[in-house]
Protein backbone atom coordinates (compact mmCIF):
# COMPACT_ATOMS: atom_id res chain seq x y z
CA MET A 1 12.46 31.92 14.56
CA THR A 2 11.44 29.93 11.66
CA GLY A 3 7.95 28.50 10.71
CA THR A 4 6.89 25.05 10.09
CA ALA A 5 8.20 23.74 6.82
CA SER A 6 5.97 22.98 4.50
CA HIS A 7 5.46 21.08 0.87
CA SER A 8 4.53 23.44 -2.29
CA ALA A 9 1.73 21.72 -4.64
CA PHE A 10 4.44 20.74 -6.53
CA ASP A 11 6.18 18.63 -3.92
CA ASN A 12 2.75 16.96 -3.34
CA VAL A 13 1.95 15.92 -6.94
CA GLN A 14 5.39 14.56 -7.45
CA GLY A 15 5.70 12.78 -4.61
CA GLN A 16 1.76 11.61 -4.86
CA VAL A 17 2.98 10.49 -8.48
CA PHE A 18 5.94 9.06 -7.10
CA GLY A 19 4.19 6.70 -4.25
CA ILE A 20 1.67 5.75 -7.04
CA ILE A 21 4.20 4.33 -9.43
CA MET A 22 5.72 2.66 -7.06
CA THR A 23 3.01 1.01 -5.37
CA ALA A 24 1.16 0.05 -8.35
CA PHE A 25 4.54 -1.91 -9.47
CA GLY A 26 5.07 -3.71 -6.27
CA ILE A 27 1.56 -5.20 -6.60
CA SER A 28 2.08 -5.94 -9.99
CA LEU A 29 5.10 -7.93 -9.35
CA LEU A 30 2.88 -9.75 -6.73
CA HIS A 31 0.21 -10.53 -8.67
CA ALA A 32 2.65 -12.01 -11.46
CA ALA A 33 4.40 -14.27 -9.08
CA GLY A 34 1.31 -15.38 -7.70
CA LEU A 35 1.62 -14.09 -4.04
CA ILE A 36 -0.18 -11.57 -1.92
CA THR A 37 0.41 -8.79 0.58
CA GLY A 38 -0.90 -7.30 3.24
CA GLN A 39 -3.58 -4.26 3.55
CA ALA A 40 -6.43 -3.82 1.64
CA ALA A 41 -4.30 -5.02 -1.23
CA GLY A 42 -3.95 -8.27 0.41
CA LEU A 43 -7.72 -8.55 0.66
CA SER A 44 -8.05 -7.51 -2.27
CA PHE A 45 -5.61 -10.26 -3.88
CA VAL A 46 -7.76 -12.88 -1.33
CA ILE A 47 -10.80 -11.95 -2.73
CA SER A 48 -9.48 -11.83 -6.35
CA TYR A 49 -7.64 -15.48 -6.43
CA ALA A 50 -10.73 -16.96 -4.70
CA THR A 51 -13.26 -15.28 -7.14
CA GLY A 52 -11.46 -14.72 -10.53
CA ALA A 53 -12.38 -11.26 -10.24
CA ASP A 54 -10.17 -8.45 -11.57
CA PHE A 55 -7.69 -7.32 -8.86
CA GLY A 56 -8.17 -3.56 -9.75
CA LEU A 57 -11.75 -3.59 -9.20
CA VAL A 58 -12.05 -5.42 -6.59
CA PHE A 59 -9.21 -3.01 -4.54
CA PHE A 60 -10.94 -0.12 -5.65
CA LEU A 61 -14.00 -1.54 -4.44
CA VAL A 62 -12.40 -2.46 -0.69
CA ASN A 63 -11.16 1.11 -0.20
CA LEU A 64 -14.49 2.76 -0.30
CA PRO A 65 -15.50 2.03 2.83
CA PHE A 66 -12.31 4.08 4.41
CA TYR A 67 -12.86 7.25 3.01
CA ALA A 68 -15.78 7.96 5.34
CA LEU A 69 -13.42 7.67 7.81
CA ALA A 70 -10.89 9.69 5.93
CA VAL A 71 -13.45 12.66 5.28
CA ALA A 72 -14.77 12.35 9.27
CA ARG A 73 -11.31 12.27 10.98
CA ILE A 74 -8.55 13.44 8.48
CA GLY A 75 -10.02 15.51 6.19
CA TRP A 76 -11.73 15.93 2.31
CA ARG A 77 -8.07 17.02 0.97
CA PHE A 78 -6.75 13.64 2.19
CA ALA A 79 -9.71 11.63 1.20
CA ALA A 80 -9.75 13.04 -2.20
CA ARG A 81 -6.14 12.44 -2.78
CA SER A 82 -6.06 8.91 -1.21
CA LEU A 83 -8.73 8.53 -3.69
CA VAL A 84 -7.18 9.24 -7.03
CA ALA A 85 -3.86 7.18 -5.48
CA VAL A 86 -6.39 4.25 -5.08
CA THR A 87 -7.83 4.60 -8.40
CA SER A 88 -4.74 5.05 -10.19
CA ILE A 89 -2.94 1.93 -8.58
CA SER A 90 -6.04 0.06 -9.58
CA LEU A 91 -5.09 1.07 -12.99
CA LEU A 92 -1.37 1.18 -13.17
CA SER A 93 -1.40 -2.56 -11.57
CA ALA A 94 -3.07 -3.82 -14.84
CA VAL A 95 -1.09 -1.92 -17.36
CA PHE A 96 2.37 -2.58 -15.95
CA PRO A 97 1.98 -6.36 -17.13
CA ARG A 98 0.91 -5.11 -20.52
CA VAL A 99 4.50 -2.84 -21.16
CA MET A 100 6.93 -5.19 -19.22
CA SER A 101 7.52 -8.83 -19.48
CA TYR A 102 7.36 -10.35 -16.06
CA ASP A 103 8.69 -14.45 -17.31
CA LEU A 104 11.27 -15.25 -14.97
CA LEU A 105 10.18 -14.05 -11.13
CA GLU A 106 11.71 -16.35 -8.24
CA PRO A 107 8.66 -15.83 -5.82
CA HIS A 108 11.06 -15.00 -2.90
CA VAL A 109 13.00 -12.51 -4.87
CA ALA A 110 9.71 -10.98 -6.47
CA ALA A 111 8.30 -10.52 -2.41
CA VAL A 112 11.58 -8.65 -1.12
CA LEU A 113 11.25 -6.40 -4.50
CA ALA A 114 7.50 -5.75 -4.05
CA GLY A 115 7.97 -5.22 -0.51
CA PHE A 116 10.35 -2.60 -0.89
CA CYS A 117 8.55 -0.91 -4.00
CA VAL A 118 5.21 -1.06 -2.12
CA GLY A 119 7.14 0.34 1.31
CA ILE A 120 8.35 3.35 -0.22
CA GLY A 121 5.57 3.94 -2.91
CA VAL A 122 3.07 4.33 1.02
CA ILE A 123 6.05 6.43 2.51
CA GLY A 124 5.50 8.86 -0.73
CA LEU A 125 2.03 8.89 -0.27
CA PHE A 126 1.70 8.86 3.63
CA ARG A 127 4.21 12.29 3.37
CA HIS A 128 2.73 14.07 0.83
CA GLY A 129 -0.98 14.24 2.47
CA SER A 130 -2.29 10.83 0.79
CA SER A 131 -2.39 7.07 0.97
CA GLY A 132 -3.00 3.63 -0.73
CA GLY A 133 -6.50 3.24 0.98
CA GLY A 134 -7.58 0.98 2.98
CA VAL A 135 -5.86 0.06 6.45
CA GLY A 136 -2.98 2.85 5.27
CA ILE A 137 -5.78 5.30 5.87
CA LEU A 138 -6.50 4.04 9.22
CA ALA A 139 -3.30 3.49 10.28
CA TYR A 140 -2.22 7.13 9.05
CA TYR A 141 -4.95 8.46 11.29
CA ILE A 142 -3.95 6.52 14.47
CA GLN A 143 -0.27 7.45 13.92
CA GLU A 144 -0.74 11.30 13.42
CA LYS A 145 -3.24 10.99 16.23
CA THR A 146 -1.27 8.40 18.97
CA GLY A 147 2.31 8.39 17.52
CA PHE A 148 1.64 4.41 17.33
CA ARG A 149 3.94 3.42 14.36
CA ALA A 150 2.06 2.99 11.05
CA GLY A 151 3.65 -0.42 10.12
CA TRP A 152 2.82 -1.94 13.14
CA ILE A 153 -0.86 -1.30 12.34
CA GLN A 154 -0.38 -2.63 9.36
CA ALA A 155 1.52 -5.63 10.51
CA MET A 156 -1.56 -6.48 12.75
CA PHE A 157 -4.19 -6.24 10.34
CA ASP A 158 -2.02 -8.59 7.67
CA VAL A 159 -1.85 -11.44 10.69
CA VAL A 160 -5.98 -12.06 9.59
CA ILE A 161 -5.03 -11.75 5.94
CA PHE A 162 -2.07 -13.98 5.50
CA ALA A 163 -4.97 -16.77 7.89
CA LEU A 164 -7.58 -16.52 4.95
CA ALA A 165 -4.45 -16.60 2.36
CA VAL A 166 -3.78 -20.34 3.78
CA PHE A 167 -7.26 -21.01 1.49
CA VAL A 168 -6.04 -19.76 -1.86
CA ILE A 169 -2.78 -20.32 -2.53
CA ASP A 170 -0.16 -23.15 -1.67
CA GLY A 171 2.39 -22.96 1.18
CA LYS A 172 5.17 -22.13 -0.89
CA ALA A 173 3.64 -18.90 -1.96
CA LEU A 174 2.43 -18.03 1.05
CA LEU A 175 5.81 -18.28 3.31
CA ALA A 176 7.19 -16.11 0.31
CA SER A 177 4.14 -13.44 0.76
CA MET A 178 4.79 -13.40 4.33
CA LEU A 179 8.55 -12.30 3.58
CA GLY A 180 7.35 -9.47 1.34
CA ALA A 181 4.75 -8.15 3.86
CA ALA A 182 7.74 -8.42 6.36
CA VAL A 183 10.09 -6.02 4.69
CA LEU A 184 7.43 -3.92 3.72
CA ASN A 185 6.02 -3.05 6.92
CA ALA A 186 9.31 -3.32 8.54
CA PHE A 187 10.68 -0.86 6.07
CA VAL A 188 7.38 1.48 6.89
CA SER A 189 7.92 1.22 10.40
CA PHE A 190 11.27 2.31 10.68
CA ASN A 191 11.52 4.97 7.99
CA HIS A 192 8.20 6.52 8.40
CA ARG A 193 8.53 8.87 11.32
CA ALA A 194 7.11 11.84 12.44
CA ASP A 195 10.33 12.83 14.45
CA TRP A 196 12.68 12.23 11.56
CA TYR A 197 10.22 14.08 8.68
CA VAL A 198 9.34 17.95 10.04
CA ALA A 199 7.83 18.97 6.17
CA ARG A 200 3.70 18.85 5.80
């Protein structure tokens, strides 16, 4: 009888680096196209667009309250990894526009690509004991404890975010953003399943 499969330290580091890069790239696409997404990043977009504050700083601050939940209910290792991930995503999302051009971004295409990028990034973080912060921490905890899919939890939170977004972006951008969020949540829901992935 074999033991439970587990990730090595290298497995976790490379998985988290991948998740951070993909999530930050997806967020940079959304920002360049004037779109939003759901979850804590979506709330950060709404605040950033409404106030003119730097997205990276807002994203970092919005996530701070969720670390208490992570420490209390999941563990300090998960909380520490999530803090590193969120800090890195905040920084990288500002770096990407400085090293590549976003001159032509059709909103719907940008939304779908961002949805897939952030979706695979979130899964990479989840599978290696981390998260992109915020609602991801709450969703991870609920899925681990109850089996209720993380993607559906995130989708419910997104309803609130998009209700707020009507005050900061126009109708076309809102529809494109909703498409991207639907892609992201469906991708996470269908592909992040405990019964498909056994390594820890």
